[in-house]
C-alpha atoms as a PDB file:
ATOM      1  CA  UNK A   1      52.931 145.044 111.816  1.00  0.00           C
ATOM      2  CA  UNK A   2      50.279 143.262 109.749  1.00  0.00           C
ATOM      3  CA  UNK A   3      49.721 139.663 109.790  1.00  0.00           C
ATOM      4  CA  UNK A   4      51.452 137.624 106.475  1.00  0.00           C
ATOM      5  CA  UNK A   5      52.796 134.715 105.132  1.00  0.00           C
ATOM      6  CA  UNK A   6      55.781 133.767 107.098  1.00  0.00           C
ATOM      7  CA  UNK A   7      58.947 132.659 105.191  1.00  0.00           C
ATOM      8  CA  UNK A   8      60.855 129.444 106.039  1.00  0.00           C
ATOM      9  CA  UNK A   9      64.537 129.007 107.015  1.00  0.00           C
ATOM     10  CA  UNK A  10      66.437 126.297 105.037  1.00  0.00           C
ATOM     11  CA  UNK A  11      69.797 125.069 105.974  1.00  0.00           C
ATOM     12  CA  UNK A  12      71.878 125.187 102.675  1.00  0.00           C
ATOM     13  CA  UNK A  13      75.229 123.778 103.283  1.00  0.00           C
ATOM     14  CA  UNK A  14      77.004 126.438 105.615  1.00  0.00           C
ATOM     15  CA  UNK A  15      74.742 128.612 105.721  1.00  0.00           C
ATOM     16  CA  UNK A  16      71.033 129.439 105.383  1.00  0.00           C
ATOM     17  CA  UNK A  17      68.420 130.618 102.724  1.00  0.00           C
ATOM     18  CA  UNK A  18      65.064 132.162 102.714  1.00  0.00           C
ATOM     19  CA  UNK A  19      62.726 130.496 101.241  1.00  0.00           C
ATOM     20  CA  UNK A  20      58.906 131.537 100.213  1.00  0.00           C
ATOM     21  CA  UNK A  21      56.378 128.720 101.336  1.00  0.00           C
ATOM     22  CA  UNK A  22      52.481 130.159  99.868  1.00  0.00           C
ATOM     23  CA  UNK A  23      50.411 128.431 102.740  1.00  0.00           C
ATOM     24  CA  UNK A  24      52.305 128.104 104.934  1.00  0.00           C
ATOM     25  CA  UNK A  25      51.906 128.955 108.802  1.00  0.00           C
ATOM     26  CA  UNK A  26      51.599 132.722 109.693  1.00  0.00           C
ATOM     27  CA  UNK A  27      53.745 134.953 111.903  1.00  0.00           C
ATOM     28  CA  UNK A  28      52.993 135.733 115.199  1.00  0.00           C
ATOM     29  CA  UNK A  29      51.925 139.197 116.213  1.00  0.00           C
ATOM     30  CA  UNK A  30      55.250 140.590 117.836  1.00  0.00           C
ATOM     31  CA  UNK A  31      55.222 144.192 119.668  1.00  0.00           C
ATOM     32  CA  UNK A  32      57.279 146.759 118.105  1.00  0.00           C
ATOM     33  CA  UNK A  33      59.807 146.666 120.638  1.00  0.00           C
ATOM     34  CA  UNK A  34      60.385 142.962 119.860  1.00  0.00           C
ATOM     35  CA  UNK A  35      61.588 144.434 116.528  1.00  0.00           C
ATOM     36  CA  UNK A  36      64.214 146.628 117.583  1.00  0.00           C
ATOM     37  CA  UNK A  37      67.953 145.653 115.864  1.00  0.00           C
ATOM     38  CA  UNK A  38      65.936 143.408 113.423  1.00  0.00           C
ATOM     39  CA  UNK A  39      66.768 143.665 110.147  1.00  0.00           C
ATOM     40  CA  UNK A  40      64.022 142.985 107.306  1.00  0.00           C
ATOM     41  CA  UNK A  41      64.440 140.936 104.146  1.00  0.00           C
ATOM     42  CA  UNK A  42      61.058 141.487 101.488  1.00  0.00           C
ATOM     43  CA  UNK A  43      57.886 142.566 101.499  1.00  0.00           C
ATOM     44  CA  UNK A  44      56.889 138.990 103.450  1.00  0.00           C
ATOM     45  CA  UNK A  45      58.539 139.652 106.611  1.00  0.00           C
ATOM     46  CA  UNK A  46      61.325 137.520 107.250  1.00  0.00           C
ATOM     47  CA  UNK A  47      64.018 138.219 109.593  1.00  0.00           C
ATOM     48  CA  UNK A  48      67.019 137.310 109.591  1.00  0.00           C
ATOM     49  CA  UNK A  49      70.487 138.275 111.097  1.00  0.00           C
ATOM     50  CA  UNK A  50      72.624 140.739 109.225  1.00  0.00           C
ATOM     51  CA  UNK A  51      75.200 138.204 108.251  1.00  0.00           C
ATOM     52  CA  UNK A  52      73.870 135.437 106.081  1.00  0.00           C
ATOM     53  CA  UNK A  53      76.407 132.384 104.414  1.00  0.00           C
ATOM     54  CA  UNK A  54      74.189 131.797 101.255  1.00  0.00           C
ATOM     55  CA  UNK A  55      75.961 128.835  99.013  1.00  0.00           C
ATOM     56  CA  UNK A  56      74.472 127.668  95.980  1.00  0.00           C
ATOM     57  CA  UNK A  57      72.869 124.366  95.309  1.00  0.00           C
ATOM     58  CA  UNK A  58      74.793 121.439  95.237  1.00  0.00           C
ATOM     59  CA  UNK A  59      74.472 120.234  91.845  1.00  0.00           C
ATOM     60  CA  UNK A  60      75.065 116.099  90.354  1.00  0.00           C
ATOM     61  CA  UNK A  61      73.299 113.220  91.706  1.00  0.00           C
ATOM     62  CA  UNK A  62      76.054 112.120  93.590  1.00  0.00           C
ATOM     63  CA  UNK A  63      77.627 115.489  94.600  1.00  0.00           C
ATOM     64  CA  UNK A  64      77.625 116.709  98.457  1.00  0.00           C
ATOM     65  CA  UNK A  65      79.327 118.374 100.776  1.00  0.00           C
ATOM     66  CA  UNK A  66      81.431 117.013 103.602  1.00  0.00           C
ATOM     67  CA  UNK A  67      81.109 117.961 107.649  1.00  0.00           C
ATOM     68  CA  UNK A  68      84.426 119.927 108.443  1.00  0.00           C
ATOM     69  CA  UNK A  69      82.874 119.992 112.143  1.00  0.00           C
ATOM     70  CA  UNK A  70      80.467 119.315 114.185  1.00  0.00           C
ATOM     71  CA  UNK A  71      79.171 122.043 117.740  1.00  0.00           C
ATOM     72  CA  UNK A  72      76.550 120.692 119.081  1.00  0.00           C
ATOM     73  CA  UNK A  73      74.085 120.647 117.227  1.00  0.00           C
ATOM     74  CA  UNK A  74      75.811 122.960 114.534  1.00  0.00           C
ATOM     75  CA  UNK A  75      77.304 121.303 111.567  1.00  0.00           C
ATOM     76  CA  UNK A  76      79.550 123.404 109.147  1.00  0.00           C
ATOM     77  CA  UNK A  77      80.118 122.130 105.700  1.00  0.00           C
ATOM     78  CA  UNK A  78      82.996 122.279 103.021  1.00  0.00           C
ATOM     79  CA  UNK A  79      82.082 122.853  99.306  1.00  0.00           C
ATOM     80  CA  UNK A  80      80.493 120.783  97.099  1.00  0.00           C
ATOM     81  CA  UNK A  81      82.377 118.074  95.203  1.00  0.00           C
ATOM     82  CA  UNK A  82      83.200 113.949  96.076  1.00  0.00           C
ATOM     83  CA  UNK A  83      82.676 112.582  99.576  1.00  0.00           C
ATOM     84  CA  UNK A  84      85.184 110.843 101.294  1.00  0.00           C
ATOM     85  CA  UNK A  85      85.256 107.185 100.887  1.00  0.00           C
ATOM     86  CA  UNK A  86      83.313 105.255 103.227  1.00  0.00           C
ATOM     87  CA  UNK A  87      80.722 107.797 102.370  1.00  0.00           C
ATOM     88  CA  UNK A  88      77.723 108.872 100.234  1.00  0.00           C
ATOM     89  CA  UNK A  89      75.523 111.716 100.075  1.00  0.00           C
ATOM     90  CA  UNK A  90      72.196 111.609 102.131  1.00  0.00           C
ATOM     91  CA  UNK A  91      68.920 113.227 100.656  1.00  0.00           C
ATOM     92  CA  UNK A  92      70.454 116.781 101.738  1.00  0.00           C
ATOM     93  CA  UNK A  93      73.700 116.639  99.875  1.00  0.00           C
ATOM     94  CA  UNK A  94      75.624 116.180 102.987  1.00  0.00           C
ATOM     95  CA  UNK A  95      78.092 113.484 103.142  1.00  0.00           C
ATOM     96  CA  UNK A  96      77.531 111.151 105.786  1.00  0.00           C
ATOM     97  CA  UNK A  97      79.299 107.897 106.821  1.00  0.00           C
ATOM     98  CA  UNK A  98      78.351 104.300 105.621  1.00  0.00           C
ATOM     99  CA  UNK A  99      77.301 102.979 109.242  1.00  0.00           C
ATOM    100  CA  UNK A 100      74.963 100.241 107.817  1.00  0.00           C
ATOM    101  CA  UNK A 101      75.529  96.264 107.357  1.00  0.00           C
ATOM    102  CA  UNK A 102      75.236  94.492 103.943  1.00  0.00           C
ATOM    103  CA  UNK A 103      71.732  92.738 103.882  1.00  0.00           C
ATOM    104  CA  UNK A 104      71.003  88.702 103.110  1.00  0.00           C
ATOM    105  CA  UNK A 105      71.460  89.768  99.614  1.00  0.00           C
ATOM    106  CA  UNK A 106      74.640  91.993  99.545  1.00  0.00           C
ATOM    107  CA  UNK A 107      76.379  88.626 101.354  1.00  0.00           C
ATOM    108  CA  UNK A 108      74.855  86.147  98.727  1.00  0.00           C
ATOM    109  CA  UNK A 109      76.304  88.504  95.773  1.00  0.00           C
ATOM    110  CA  UNK A 110      79.578  88.795  97.443  1.00  0.00           C
ATOM    111  CA  UNK A 111      79.710  84.771  97.357  1.00  0.00           C
ATOM    112  CA  UNK A 112      78.473  84.559  94.301  1.00  0.00           C
ATOM    113  CA  UNK A 113      81.596  87.124  92.792  1.00  0.00           C
ATOM    114  CA  UNK A 114      83.720  85.172  95.458  1.00  0.00           C
ATOM    115  CA  UNK A 115      82.788  81.726  93.378  1.00  0.00           C
ATOM    116  CA  UNK A 116      83.599  82.557  90.227  1.00  0.00           C
ATOM    117  CA  UNK A 117      87.599  82.035  90.522  1.00  0.00           C
ATOM    118  CA  UNK A 118      86.782  78.909  92.541  1.00  0.00           C
ATOM    119  CA  UNK A 119      84.608  77.538  89.878  1.00  0.00           C
ATOM    120  CA  UNK A 120      86.835  78.337  87.025  1.00  0.00           C
ATOM    121  CA  UNK A 121      90.189  76.781  89.198  1.00  0.00           C
ATOM    122  CA  UNK A 122      87.869  73.748  89.107  1.00  0.00           C
ATOM    123  CA  UNK A 123      87.253  73.666  85.756  1.00  0.00           C
ATOM    124  CA  UNK A 124      90.436  74.474  83.984  1.00  0.00           C
ATOM    125  CA  UNK A 125      92.066  71.563  86.893  1.00  0.00           C
ATOM    126  CA  UNK A 126      89.540  69.002  86.127  1.00  0.00           C
ATOM    127  CA  UNK A 127      89.958  70.117  82.236  1.00  0.00           C
ATOM    128  CA  UNK A 128      94.001  69.972  81.682  1.00  0.00           C
ATOM    129  CA  UNK A 129      94.560  67.324  84.703  1.00  0.00           C
ATOM    130  CA  UNK A 130      94.128  64.467  82.413  1.00  0.00           C
ATOM    131  CA  UNK A 131      92.293  61.085  83.154  1.00  0.00           C
ATOM    132  CA  UNK A 132      95.950  59.696  84.278  1.00  0.00           C
ATOM    133  CA  UNK A 133      96.559  62.237  86.768  1.00  0.00           C
ATOM    134  CA  UNK A 134      96.039  61.713  90.613  1.00  0.00           C
ATOM    135  CA  UNK A 135      97.117  65.146  91.050  1.00  0.00           C
ATOM    136  CA  UNK A 136      93.608  66.615  90.077  1.00  0.00           C
ATOM    137  CA  UNK A 137      92.173  66.703  93.753  1.00  0.00           C
ATOM    138  CA  UNK A 138      94.983  67.693  95.700  1.00  0.00           C
ATOM    139  CA  UNK A 139      94.485  70.786  93.349  1.00  0.00           C
ATOM    140  CA  UNK A 140      90.920  71.082  93.958  1.00  0.00           C
ATOM    141  CA  UNK A 141      91.376  71.354  97.592  1.00  0.00           C
ATOM    142  CA  UNK A 142      94.511  74.045  97.162  1.00  0.00           C
ATOM    143  CA  UNK A 143      91.990  76.030  94.862  1.00  0.00           C
ATOM    144  CA  UNK A 144      89.418  75.892  97.687  1.00  0.00           C
ATOM    145  CA  UNK A 145      91.950  76.907 100.398  1.00  0.00           C
ATOM    146  CA  UNK A 146      93.393  79.399  98.071  1.00  0.00           C
ATOM    147  CA  UNK A 147      89.825  81.340  97.823  1.00  0.00           C
ATOM    148  CA  UNK A 148      89.060  80.385 101.547  1.00  0.00           C
ATOM    149  CA  UNK A 149      92.145  81.829 102.821  1.00  0.00           C
ATOM    150  CA  UNK A 150      91.697  84.738 100.480  1.00  0.00           C
ATOM    151  CA  UNK A 151      87.940  86.039 101.197  1.00  0.00           C
ATOM    152  CA  UNK A 152      88.111  85.741 105.279  1.00  0.00           C
ATOM    153  CA  UNK A 153      91.610  87.810 105.006  1.00  0.00           C
ATOM    154  CA  UNK A 154      89.505  90.314 102.169  1.00  0.00           C
ATOM    155  CA  UNK A 155      87.084  90.738 105.291  1.00  0.00           C
ATOM    156  CA  UNK A 156      89.681  91.444 107.689  1.00  0.00           C
ATOM    157  CA  UNK A 157      91.174  94.122 105.884  1.00  0.00           C
ATOM    158  CA  UNK A 158      87.801  95.669 105.251  1.00  0.00           C
ATOM    159  CA  UNK A 159      86.616  98.504 107.455  1.00  0.00           C
ATOM    160  CA  UNK A 160      86.552  97.815 110.374  1.00  0.00           C
ATOM    161  CA  UNK A 161      89.730  96.381 110.542  1.00  0.00           C
ATOM    162  CA  UNK A 162      90.384  92.687 112.160  1.00  0.00           C
ATOM    163  CA  UNK A 163      86.633  92.060 112.094  1.00  0.00           C
ATOM    164  CA  UNK A 164      84.838  89.840 109.991  1.00  0.00           C
ATOM    165  CA  UNK A 165      81.886  92.175 109.610  1.00  0.00           C
ATOM    166  CA  UNK A 166      82.012  94.927 107.366  1.00  0.00           C
ATOM    167  CA  UNK A 167      80.282  98.288 107.311  1.00  0.00           C
ATOM    168  CA  UNK A 168      78.394  99.320 104.232  1.00  0.00           C
ATOM    169  CA  UNK A 169      76.015 101.583 102.156  1.00  0.00           C
ATOM    170  CA  UNK A 170      72.956 100.822 101.199  1.00  0.00           C
ATOM    171  CA  UNK A 171      72.024 100.019  97.366  1.00  0.00           C
ATOM    172  CA  UNK A 172      68.969 101.743  96.482  1.00  0.00           C
ATOM    173  CA  UNK A 173      69.284 101.948  92.534  1.00  0.00           C
ATOM    174  CA  UNK A 174      71.387 100.745  89.364  1.00  0.00           C
ATOM    175  CA  UNK A 175      73.124 103.962  88.965  1.00  0.00           C
ATOM    176  CA  UNK A 176      74.667 103.897  92.339  1.00  0.00           C
ATOM    177  CA  UNK A 177      77.581 101.645  91.000  1.00  0.00           C
ATOM    178  CA  UNK A 178      78.001 103.946  88.082  1.00  0.00           C
ATOM    179  CA  UNK A 179      78.228 107.469  89.367  1.00  0.00           C
ATOM    180  CA  UNK A 180      81.252 108.626  87.441  1.00  0.00           C
ATOM    181  CA  UNK A 181      78.196 108.453  84.689  1.00  0.00           C
ATOM    182  CA  UNK A 182      76.980 111.284  86.778  1.00  0.00           C
ATOM    183  CA  UNK A 183      79.424 114.086  87.017  1.00  0.00           C
ATOM    184  CA  UNK A 184      77.668 117.451  86.362  1.00  0.00           C
ATOM    185  CA  UNK A 185      79.019 120.650  84.030  1.00  0.00           C
ATOM    186  CA  UNK A 186      76.697 122.885  85.499  1.00  0.00           C
ATOM    187  CA  UNK A 187      78.756 125.651  82.502  1.00  0.00           C
ATOM    188  CA  UNK A 188      78.732 122.972  80.288  1.00  0.00           C
ATOM    189  CA  UNK A 189      82.655 123.352  80.194  1.00  0.00           C
ATOM    190  CA  UNK A 190      83.730 122.521  83.547  1.00  0.00           C
ATOM    191  CA  UNK A 191      83.257 119.044  85.394  1.00  0.00           C
ATOM    192  CA  UNK A 192      82.425 118.333  88.561  1.00  0.00           C
ATOM    193  CA  UNK A 193      84.088 115.500  89.798  1.00  0.00           C
ATOM    194  CA  UNK A 194      81.663 113.482  92.138  1.00  0.00           C
ATOM    195  CA  UNK A 195      83.114 110.315  91.523  1.00  0.00           C
ATOM    196  CA  UNK A 196      82.886 107.996  94.467  1.00  0.00           C
ATOM    197  CA  UNK A 197      81.826 104.466  95.776  1.00  0.00           C
ATOM    198  CA  UNK A 198      78.353 105.108  96.616  1.00  0.00           C
ATOM    199  CA  UNK A 199      77.420 101.828  97.541  1.00  0.00           C
ATOM    200  CA  UNK A 200      80.687 101.212  99.652  1.00  0.00           C
ATOM    201  CA  UNK A 201      82.656  98.463 100.086  1.00  0.00           C
ATOM    202  CA  UNK A 202      80.321  96.170  97.803  1.00  0.00           C
ATOM    203  CA  UNK A 203      82.340  97.428  94.768  1.00  0.00           C
ATOM    204  CA  UNK A 204      86.188  97.728  95.346  1.00  0.00           C
ATOM    205  CA  UNK A 205      86.062  94.800  97.834  1.00  0.00           C
ATOM    206  CA  UNK A 206      85.671  92.570  95.281  1.00  0.00           C
ATOM    207  CA  UNK A 207      88.939  93.858  93.410  1.00  0.00           C
ATOM    208  CA  UNK A 208      90.830  93.525  96.657  1.00  0.00           C
ATOM    209  CA  UNK A 209      89.862  89.792  97.027  1.00  0.00           C
ATOM    210  CA  UNK A 210      90.549  88.805  93.624  1.00  0.00           C
ATOM    211  CA  UNK A 211      94.274  90.517  94.281  1.00  0.00           C
ATOM    212  CA  UNK A 212      94.594  88.136  97.439  1.00  0.00           C
ATOM    213  CA  UNK A 213      93.591  85.092  95.610  1.00  0.00           C
ATOM    214  CA  UNK A 214      96.000  85.498  92.441  1.00  0.00           C
ATOM    215  CA  UNK A 215      98.723  86.125  95.430  1.00  0.00           C
ATOM    216  CA  UNK A 216      98.157  83.256  97.064  1.00  0.00           C
ATOM    217  CA  UNK A 217      97.924  80.958  94.082  1.00  0.00           C
ATOM    218  CA  UNK A 218     101.106  82.192  92.421  1.00  0.00           C
ATOM    219  CA  UNK A 219     102.207  81.576  96.130  1.00  0.00           C
ATOM    220  CA  UNK A 220     101.234  77.853  96.650  1.00  0.00           C
ATOM    221  CA  UNK A 221      99.800  76.340  93.301  1.00  0.00           C
ATOM    222  CA  UNK A 222     103.301  76.354  91.308  1.00  0.00           C
ATOM    223  CA  UNK A 223     105.028  74.414  94.301  1.00  0.00           C
ATOM    224  CA  UNK A 224     102.213  71.722  94.585  1.00  0.00           C
ATOM    225  CA  UNK A 225     101.681  70.960  91.104  1.00  0.00           C
ATOM    226  CA  UNK A 226     105.641  71.132  90.497  1.00  0.00           C
ATOM    227  CA  UNK A 227     105.997  67.984  93.006  1.00  0.00           C
ATOM    228  CA  UNK A 228     102.657  66.410  92.612  1.00  0.00           C
ATOM    229  CA  UNK A 229     101.940  66.619  89.140  1.00  0.00           C
ATOM    230  CA  UNK A 230     103.516  63.280  87.825  1.00  0.00           C
ATOM    231  CA  UNK A 231     100.953  62.168  85.766  1.00  0.00           C
ATOM    232  CA  UNK A 232     101.638  65.207  83.215  1.00  0.00           C
ATOM    233  CA  UNK A 233     103.944  66.650  80.772  1.00  0.00           C
ATOM    234  CA  UNK A 234     106.539  69.684  81.968  1.00  0.00           C
ATOM    235  CA  UNK A 235     104.125  71.482  79.622  1.00  0.00           C
ATOM    236  CA  UNK A 236     100.463  70.429  80.587  1.00  0.00           C
ATOM    237  CA  UNK A 237     100.935  70.212  84.450  1.00  0.00           C
ATOM    238  CA  UNK A 238     101.260  74.699  84.545  1.00  0.00           C
ATOM    239  CA  UNK A 239      98.085  74.898  82.405  1.00  0.00           C
ATOM    240  CA  UNK A 240      95.253  75.242  84.875  1.00  0.00           C
ATOM    241  CA  UNK A 241      97.825  78.380  86.184  1.00  0.00           C
ATOM    242  CA  UNK A 242      98.126  79.757  83.129  1.00  0.00           C
ATOM    243  CA  UNK A 243      94.564  80.243  82.591  1.00  0.00           C
ATOM    244  CA  UNK A 244      93.960  81.602  86.045  1.00  0.00           C
ATOM    245  CA  UNK A 245      96.384  84.221  84.998  1.00  0.00           C
ATOM    246  CA  UNK A 246      93.950  84.750  81.983  1.00  0.00           C
ATOM    247  CA  UNK A 247      90.718  84.563  83.898  1.00  0.00           C
ATOM    248  CA  UNK A 248      91.540  87.031  87.325  1.00  0.00           C
ATOM    249  CA  UNK A 249      91.656  89.780  84.608  1.00  0.00           C
ATOM    250  CA  UNK A 250      88.830  89.108  82.854  1.00  0.00           C
ATOM    251  CA  UNK A 251      87.226  88.636  86.243  1.00  0.00           C
ATOM    252  CA  UNK A 252      88.260  91.985  87.039  1.00  0.00           C
ATOM    253  CA  UNK A 253      87.034  93.876  84.270  1.00  0.00           C
ATOM    254  CA  UNK A 254      83.952  92.184  84.150  1.00  0.00           C
ATOM    255  CA  UNK A 255      83.662  93.643  87.752  1.00  0.00           C
ATOM    256  CA  UNK A 256      84.881  97.114  86.814  1.00  0.00           C
ATOM    257  CA  UNK A 257      82.058  97.429  83.820  1.00  0.00           C
ATOM    258  CA  UNK A 258      79.191  95.414  85.070  1.00  0.00           C
ATOM    259  CA  UNK A 259      79.013  94.901  88.680  1.00  0.00           C
ATOM    260  CA  UNK A 260      75.955  96.832  89.070  1.00  0.00           C
ATOM    261  CA  UNK A 261      74.357  94.470  86.342  1.00  0.00           C
ATOM    262  CA  UNK A 262      75.787  91.330  87.900  1.00  0.00           C
ATOM    263  CA  UNK A 263      74.169  92.656  90.964  1.00  0.00           C
ATOM    264  CA  UNK A 264      70.807  92.931  90.176  1.00  0.00           C
ATOM    265  CA  UNK A 265      70.969  89.491  87.655  1.00  0.00           C
ATOM    266  CA  UNK A 266      73.458  87.309  89.365  1.00  0.00           C
ATOM    267  CA  UNK A 267      70.679  84.874  90.971  1.00  0.00           C
ATOM    268  CA  UNK A 268      69.159  84.351  86.882  1.00  0.00           C
ATOM    269  CA  UNK A 269      72.590  84.060  85.349  1.00  0.00           C
ATOM    270  CA  UNK A 270      73.170  81.208  88.537  1.00  0.00           C
ATOM    271  CA  UNK A 271      70.169  78.918  87.210  1.00  0.00           C
ATOM    272  CA  UNK A 272      71.053  79.505  83.397  1.00  0.00           C
ATOM    273  CA  UNK A 273      74.747  78.676  83.687  1.00  0.00           C
ATOM    274  CA  UNK A 274      73.605  75.705  86.052  1.00  0.00           C
ATOM    275  CA  UNK A 275      70.942  74.485  83.843  1.00  0.00           C
ATOM    276  CA  UNK A 276      73.124  74.589  80.780  1.00  0.00           C
ATOM    277  CA  UNK A 277      76.619  73.071  82.029  1.00  0.00           C
ATOM    278  CA  UNK A 278      74.126  70.210  83.533  1.00  0.00           C
ATOM    279  CA  UNK A 279      72.863  69.248  80.571  1.00  0.00           C
ATOM    280  CA  UNK A 280      76.069  69.470  78.670  1.00  0.00           C
ATOM    281  CA  UNK A 281      77.948  67.880  81.230  1.00  0.00           C
ATOM    282  CA  UNK A 282      75.680  64.847  81.386  1.00  0.00           C
ATOM    283  CA  UNK A 283      75.085  64.818  77.886  1.00  0.00           C
ATOM    284  CA  UNK A 284      78.872  64.457  76.913  1.00  0.00           C
ATOM    285  CA  UNK A 285      79.103  61.924  79.892  1.00  0.00           C
ATOM    286  CA  UNK A 286      76.552  60.065  78.243  1.00  0.00           C
ATOM    287  CA  UNK A 287      74.101  59.975  81.450  1.00  0.00           C
ATOM    288  CA  UNK A 288      71.319  58.211  80.194  1.00  0.00           C
ATOM    289  CA  UNK A 289      69.634  56.744  83.627  1.00  0.00           C
ATOM    290  CA  UNK A 290      70.322  56.199  87.022  1.00  0.00           C
ATOM    291  CA  UNK A 291      72.353  53.476  87.202  1.00  0.00           C
ATOM    292  CA  UNK A 292      74.920  55.604  84.904  1.00  0.00           C
ATOM    293  CA  UNK A 293      75.165  58.178  87.517  1.00  0.00           C
ATOM    294  CA  UNK A 294      75.908  55.623  89.609  1.00  0.00           C
ATOM    295  CA  UNK A 295      79.025  53.961  88.171  1.00  0.00           C
ATOM    296  CA  UNK A 296      81.314  57.188  88.753  1.00  0.00           C
ATOM    297  CA  UNK A 297      81.630  58.658  91.840  1.00  0.00           C
ATOM    298  CA  UNK A 298      83.025  61.916  89.785  1.00  0.00           C
ATOM    299  CA  UNK A 299      79.295  62.394  88.459  1.00  0.00           C
ATOM    300  CA  UNK A 300      77.393  62.197  91.582  1.00  0.00           C
ATOM    301  CA  UNK A 301      79.903  64.991  92.691  1.00  0.00           C
ATOM    302  CA  UNK A 302      79.264  67.200  89.514  1.00  0.00           C
ATOM    303  CA  UNK A 303      75.484  66.669  90.074  1.00  0.00           C
ATOM    304  CA  UNK A 304      75.367  67.345  94.027  1.00  0.00           C
ATOM    305  CA  UNK A 305      77.794  70.359  93.130  1.00  0.00           C
ATOM    306  CA  UNK A 306      74.956  71.841  90.520  1.00  0.00           C
ATOM    307  CA  UNK A 307      72.038  71.092  92.943  1.00  0.00           C
ATOM    308  CA  UNK A 308      74.015  73.359  95.843  1.00  0.00           C
ATOM    309  CA  UNK A 309      74.379  76.217  92.550  1.00  0.00           C
ATOM    310  CA  UNK A 310      70.460  75.654  91.729  1.00  0.00           C
ATOM    311  CA  UNK A 311      69.774  75.936  95.335  1.00  0.00           C
ATOM    312  CA  UNK A 312      71.635  79.114  95.763  1.00  0.00           C
ATOM    313  CA  UNK A 313      70.220  80.515  92.708  1.00  0.00           C
ATOM    314  CA  UNK A 314      66.553  80.050  94.555  1.00  0.00           C
ATOM    315  CA  UNK A 315      67.661  81.396  97.641  1.00  0.00           C
ATOM    316  CA  UNK A 316      69.175  84.269  96.104  1.00  0.00           C
ATOM    317  CA  UNK A 317      66.272  84.821  93.921  1.00  0.00           C
ATOM    318  CA  UNK A 318      63.177  84.687  96.794  1.00  0.00           C
ATOM    319  CA  UNK A 319      65.709  86.025  99.461  1.00  0.00           C
ATOM    320  CA  UNK A 320      63.901  83.809 102.003  1.00  0.00           C
ATOM    321  CA  UNK A 321      61.975  86.515 103.597  1.00  0.00           C
ATOM    322  CA  UNK A 322      58.923  84.218 104.039  1.00  0.00           C
ATOM    323  CA  UNK A 323      60.112  81.025 104.915  1.00  0.00           C
ATOM    324  CA  UNK A 324      56.768  79.357 104.884  1.00  0.00           C
ATOM    325  CA  UNK A 325      56.759  80.358 100.803  1.00  0.00           C
ATOM    326  CA  UNK A 326      59.726  79.889 100.003  1.00  0.00           C
ATOM    327  CA  UNK A 327      61.348  76.939 101.462  1.00  0.00           C
ATOM    328  CA  UNK A 328      59.187  74.685  99.139  1.00  0.00           C
ATOM    329  CA  UNK A 329      60.922  76.659  96.096  1.00  0.00           C
ATOM    330  CA  UNK A 330      64.079  74.295  97.224  1.00  0.00           C
ATOM    331  CA  UNK A 331      62.165  71.172  96.298  1.00  0.00           C
ATOM    332  CA  UNK A 332      62.833  72.255  92.510  1.00  0.00           C
ATOM    333  CA  UNK A 333      66.189  71.872  92.845  1.00  0.00           C
ATOM    334  CA  UNK A 334      66.577  68.240  91.647  1.00  0.00           C
ATOM    335  CA  UNK A 335      63.580  68.811  89.222  1.00  0.00           C
ATOM    336  CA  UNK A 336      66.226  69.322  85.883  1.00  0.00           C
ATOM    337  CA  UNK A 337      68.397  66.240  86.399  1.00  0.00           C
ATOM    338  CA  UNK A 338      64.958  64.206  86.882  1.00  0.00           C
ATOM    339  CA  UNK A 339      63.923  65.670  83.779  1.00  0.00           C
ATOM    340  CA  UNK A 340      66.894  64.965  81.865  1.00  0.00           C
ATOM    341  CA  UNK A 341      67.108  61.402  82.877  1.00  0.00           C
ATOM    342  CA  UNK A 342      63.784  60.482  82.588  1.00  0.00           C
ATOM    343  CA  UNK A 343      63.599  62.016  79.034  1.00  0.00           C
ATOM    344  CA  UNK A 344      67.127  60.871  77.709  1.00  0.00           C
ATOM    345  CA  UNK A 345      65.728  57.871  76.368  1.00  0.00           C
ATOM    346  CA  UNK A 346      63.740  59.511  73.856  1.00  0.00           C
ATOM    347  CA  UNK A 347      65.785  62.437  72.821  1.00  0.00           C
ATOM    348  CA  UNK A 348      68.863  59.951  71.692  1.00  0.00           C
ATOM    349  CA  UNK A 349      70.008  61.552  67.946  1.00  0.00           C
ATOM    350  CA  UNK A 350      70.805  57.459  67.310  1.00  0.00           C
ATOM    351  CA  UNK A 351      67.469  56.703  67.669  1.00  0.00           C
ATOM    352  CA  UNK A 352      66.182  59.525  66.377  1.00  0.00           C
ATOM    353  CA  UNK A 353      68.314  59.016  63.371  1.00  0.00           C
ATOM    354  CA  UNK A 354      66.996  55.228  63.036  1.00  0.00           C
ATOM    355  CA  UNK A 355      63.538  56.294  63.279  1.00  0.00           C
ATOM    356  CA  UNK A 356      63.583  58.140  60.583  1.00  0.00           C
ATOM    357  CA  UNK A 357      65.403  55.878  58.298  1.00  0.00           C
ATOM    358  CA  UNK A 358      62.695  53.572  58.659  1.00  0.00           C
ATOM    359  CA  UNK A 359      60.115  56.014  58.331  1.00  0.00           C
ATOM    360  CA  UNK A 360      58.339  56.286  61.206  1.00  0.00           C
END
């Protein structure tokens, strides 16, 4: 037997196929007696069993083969298609179960999505409660209780059930959030549907959380408002609940369409929104000095709340990978408020108009 380039066996799905490896390792010499009973394939000297299960390549970015059975080190695979829930494809197009845990950035993203309904609840409660109503504080506490219980229940019903820990798949790129856009069409007629949650469970767990928030709100808030909202009219006391019935569908659509974009952009969204809302609030409340902040405790609560949002956004951007470099960034949290207070007297509209009228 002449010595030639050896062909490499590569597992493809449930069988094997013979691939040429130019410049690969050379086949060892064999005696004539060792080749008795073997079947020669091709001219390169690759010997395979007589029966070979050759399957076509698995097309599509997220299509994979499910593992049907495992016998020792031998795995049997099914047809190429969609991976079951809780699994995603590996580099060999095999569906593997998600056994990892969310990293710090994933938890920060989930915290941001959990804060959205709570912040909106507080905003509309404050907006519709009125200045003479004494029920705003109790409604704020109730909204916090609803969202906290919903978050805990959502973690408990997630896999593994009964634990506050969840197993997840690692997010590799933006397309992992939109697998429905990558269904292949091999013959340009038939579409192979391989849509599954490649970022399990970061996509669906948000919907589950919103559902629990809505249910708890409908069970608790109407009874509370009916009992304690004496300072409001009959038509106004339930407006914060009606507002929630509007913004929950909006948040659901936002997560369904822009979940991947929010995952990568939420730290910057937090910083921008917190800066804008703080400036609008202080301007509307006519806060122009440190003394104006101390007049009402509510202003201090709003200020500290914005500072917490600033800190959350900075932590989300830095991820606190290097504490000695990232922790000093938290010193920038009070900077926007201090800048506003120091420059408010120079930008007061009445002063600008008076100076303009005097020709300065």
